[in-house]
Amino acid sequence: SARVSSGPWLSLSLFERWFFPGLKANETVILVGLLIAAFGESIRKIAMIQAKHNFTHEIKEFRRKEHKLVTNGLYRYIRHPGYFGWFLWSVGTQILLANPVSFIGSSLCLGIFSANA
């Protein structure tokens, strides 16, 4: 119901307003978030293009016969540029939205995901 969902939203909004006044109006924070998110998305797209058919959104437990290890381009410098780009995009969007609570929560979730990937 609307009352159930509006309670946490109102609490979060009041928390942000009390502890981080003016953060959502800070153009520098928003610009930094936008640049990080755009950079991360660019890295992810380049990784997808360079890996061609070897890039999938599925975690494989066994190597496919037609799979080739990509070792050129971004893959020469970063083991998983797709994950790296996604990580930057995820963090950048939370900075862009100037949402410190979600930034902390999503960063913790990303850390747990990255540690298990």
Protein backbone atom coordinates (compact mmCIF):
# COMPACT_ATOMS: atom_id res chain seq x y z
CA SER A 1 0.00 0.00 0.00
CA ALA A 2 1.00 3.63 -0.41
CA ARG A 3 1.32 4.17 3.35
CA VAL A 4 3.73 1.28 3.75
CA SER A 5 5.99 2.42 0.94
CA SER A 6 5.88 6.11 1.81
CA GLY A 7 7.10 5.56 5.40
CA PRO A 8 10.66 4.46 4.54
CA TRP A 9 10.86 7.04 1.74
CA LEU A 10 9.84 9.85 4.11
CA SER A 11 12.32 8.64 6.75
CA LEU A 12 15.13 8.51 4.19
CA SER A 13 14.26 11.96 2.86
CA LEU A 14 14.24 13.48 6.34
CA PHE A 15 17.52 11.73 7.19
CA GLU A 16 19.20 13.11 4.06
CA ARG A 17 17.79 16.59 4.60
CA TRP A 18 18.95 16.64 8.23
CA PHE A 19 22.45 15.19 7.78
CA PHE A 20 23.23 16.26 4.19
CA PRO A 21 21.46 19.58 3.59
CA GLY A 22 22.02 21.00 0.13
CA LEU A 23 23.71 17.87 -1.22
CA LYS A 24 21.15 17.39 -4.01
CA ALA A 25 21.74 20.99 -5.13
CA ASN A 26 25.54 20.59 -5.30
CA GLU A 27 26.34 20.73 -9.02
CA THR A 28 29.92 19.51 -8.49
CA VAL A 29 28.74 16.29 -6.83
CA ILE A 30 26.22 15.72 -9.62
CA LEU A 31 28.84 16.38 -12.34
CA VAL A 32 31.37 14.02 -10.71
CA GLY A 33 28.71 11.31 -10.50
CA LEU A 34 27.76 11.83 -14.14
CA LEU A 35 31.39 11.60 -15.28
CA ILE A 36 32.06 8.44 -13.25
CA ALA A 37 28.85 6.79 -14.51
CA ALA A 38 29.57 7.73 -18.15
CA PHE A 39 33.18 6.52 -17.87
CA GLY A 40 32.05 3.23 -16.37
CA GLU A 41 29.38 2.70 -19.02
CA SER A 42 31.95 3.46 -21.75
CA ILE A 43 34.38 0.88 -20.34
CA ARG A 44 31.61 -1.71 -20.17
CA LYS A 45 30.48 -1.09 -23.76
CA ILE A 46 34.06 -1.18 -25.08
CA ALA A 47 34.60 -4.47 -23.22
CA MET A 48 31.47 -5.91 -24.80
CA ILE A 49 32.58 -4.86 -28.28
CA GLN A 50 36.13 -6.17 -27.83
CA ALA A 51 35.01 -9.53 -26.42
CA LYS A 52 32.40 -9.98 -29.17
CA HIS A 53 30.50 -13.26 -28.72
CA ASN A 54 32.67 -14.18 -25.70
CA PHE A 55 30.90 -11.52 -23.60
CA THR A 56 27.70 -12.83 -22.06
CA HIS A 57 25.51 -11.80 -19.16
CA GLU A 58 25.51 -15.34 -17.83
CA ILE A 59 28.00 -16.86 -15.41
CA LYS A 60 29.27 -20.08 -16.94
CA GLU A 61 30.49 -22.97 -14.84
CA PHE A 62 32.07 -24.77 -17.78
CA ARG A 63 34.08 -23.48 -20.72
CA ARG A 64 32.23 -23.55 -24.05
CA LYS A 65 34.08 -25.23 -26.90
CA GLU A 66 33.93 -22.06 -29.07
CA HIS A 67 35.04 -19.73 -26.26
CA LYS A 68 38.32 -17.86 -26.77
CA LEU A 69 40.16 -16.05 -24.00
CA VAL A 70 40.30 -12.34 -24.86
CA THR A 71 43.70 -10.83 -24.06
CA ASN A 72 43.78 -7.69 -26.19
CA GLY A 73 42.32 -4.19 -25.73
CA LEU A 74 41.02 -3.48 -22.26
CA TYR A 75 41.37 -7.16 -21.37
CA ARG A 76 45.15 -6.73 -21.56
CA TYR A 77 45.02 -4.39 -18.53
CA ILE A 78 41.90 -5.41 -16.61
CA ARG A 79 40.79 -9.00 -16.03
CA HIS A 80 37.08 -8.17 -16.08
CA PRO A 81 36.54 -4.75 -17.69
CA GLY A 82 32.80 -5.41 -17.97
CA TYR A 83 32.50 -5.82 -14.20
CA PHE A 84 34.83 -2.88 -13.61
CA GLY A 85 32.75 -0.64 -15.86
CA TRP A 86 29.53 -1.81 -14.24
CA PHE A 87 31.01 -1.10 -10.78
CA LEU A 88 31.96 2.46 -11.79
CA TRP A 89 28.55 3.01 -13.40
CA SER A 90 26.77 1.76 -10.27
CA VAL A 91 28.76 3.97 -7.91
CA GLY A 92 28.56 6.94 -10.28
CA THR A 93 24.77 6.78 -10.52
CA GLN A 94 24.43 6.94 -6.74
CA ILE A 95 26.77 9.94 -6.61
CA LEU A 96 24.83 11.53 -9.49
CA LEU A 97 21.59 11.08 -7.57
CA ALA A 98 23.28 12.58 -4.48
CA ASN A 99 21.87 9.81 -2.35
CA PRO A 100 24.40 9.04 0.42
CA VAL A 101 22.36 6.26 2.04
CA SER A 102 21.93 4.38 -1.24
CA PHE A 103 25.57 5.09 -2.11
CA ILE A 104 26.71 3.32 1.05
CA GLY A 105 24.22 0.47 0.65
CA SER A 106 24.97 -0.12 -3.02
CA SER A 107 28.73 0.11 -2.41
CA LEU A 108 28.46 -2.60 0.26
CA CYS A 109 26.40 -4.80 -2.06
CA LEU A 110 28.85 -4.24 -4.91
CA GLY A 111 31.74 -5.15 -2.63
CA ILE A 112 30.05 -8.38 -1.60
CA PHE A 113 29.20 -9.21 -5.23
CA SER A 114 32.74 -8.43 -6.41
CA ALA A 115 34.28 -10.56 -3.67
CA ASN A 116 32.16 -13.52 -4.77
CA ALA A 117 32.48 -13.00 -8.54
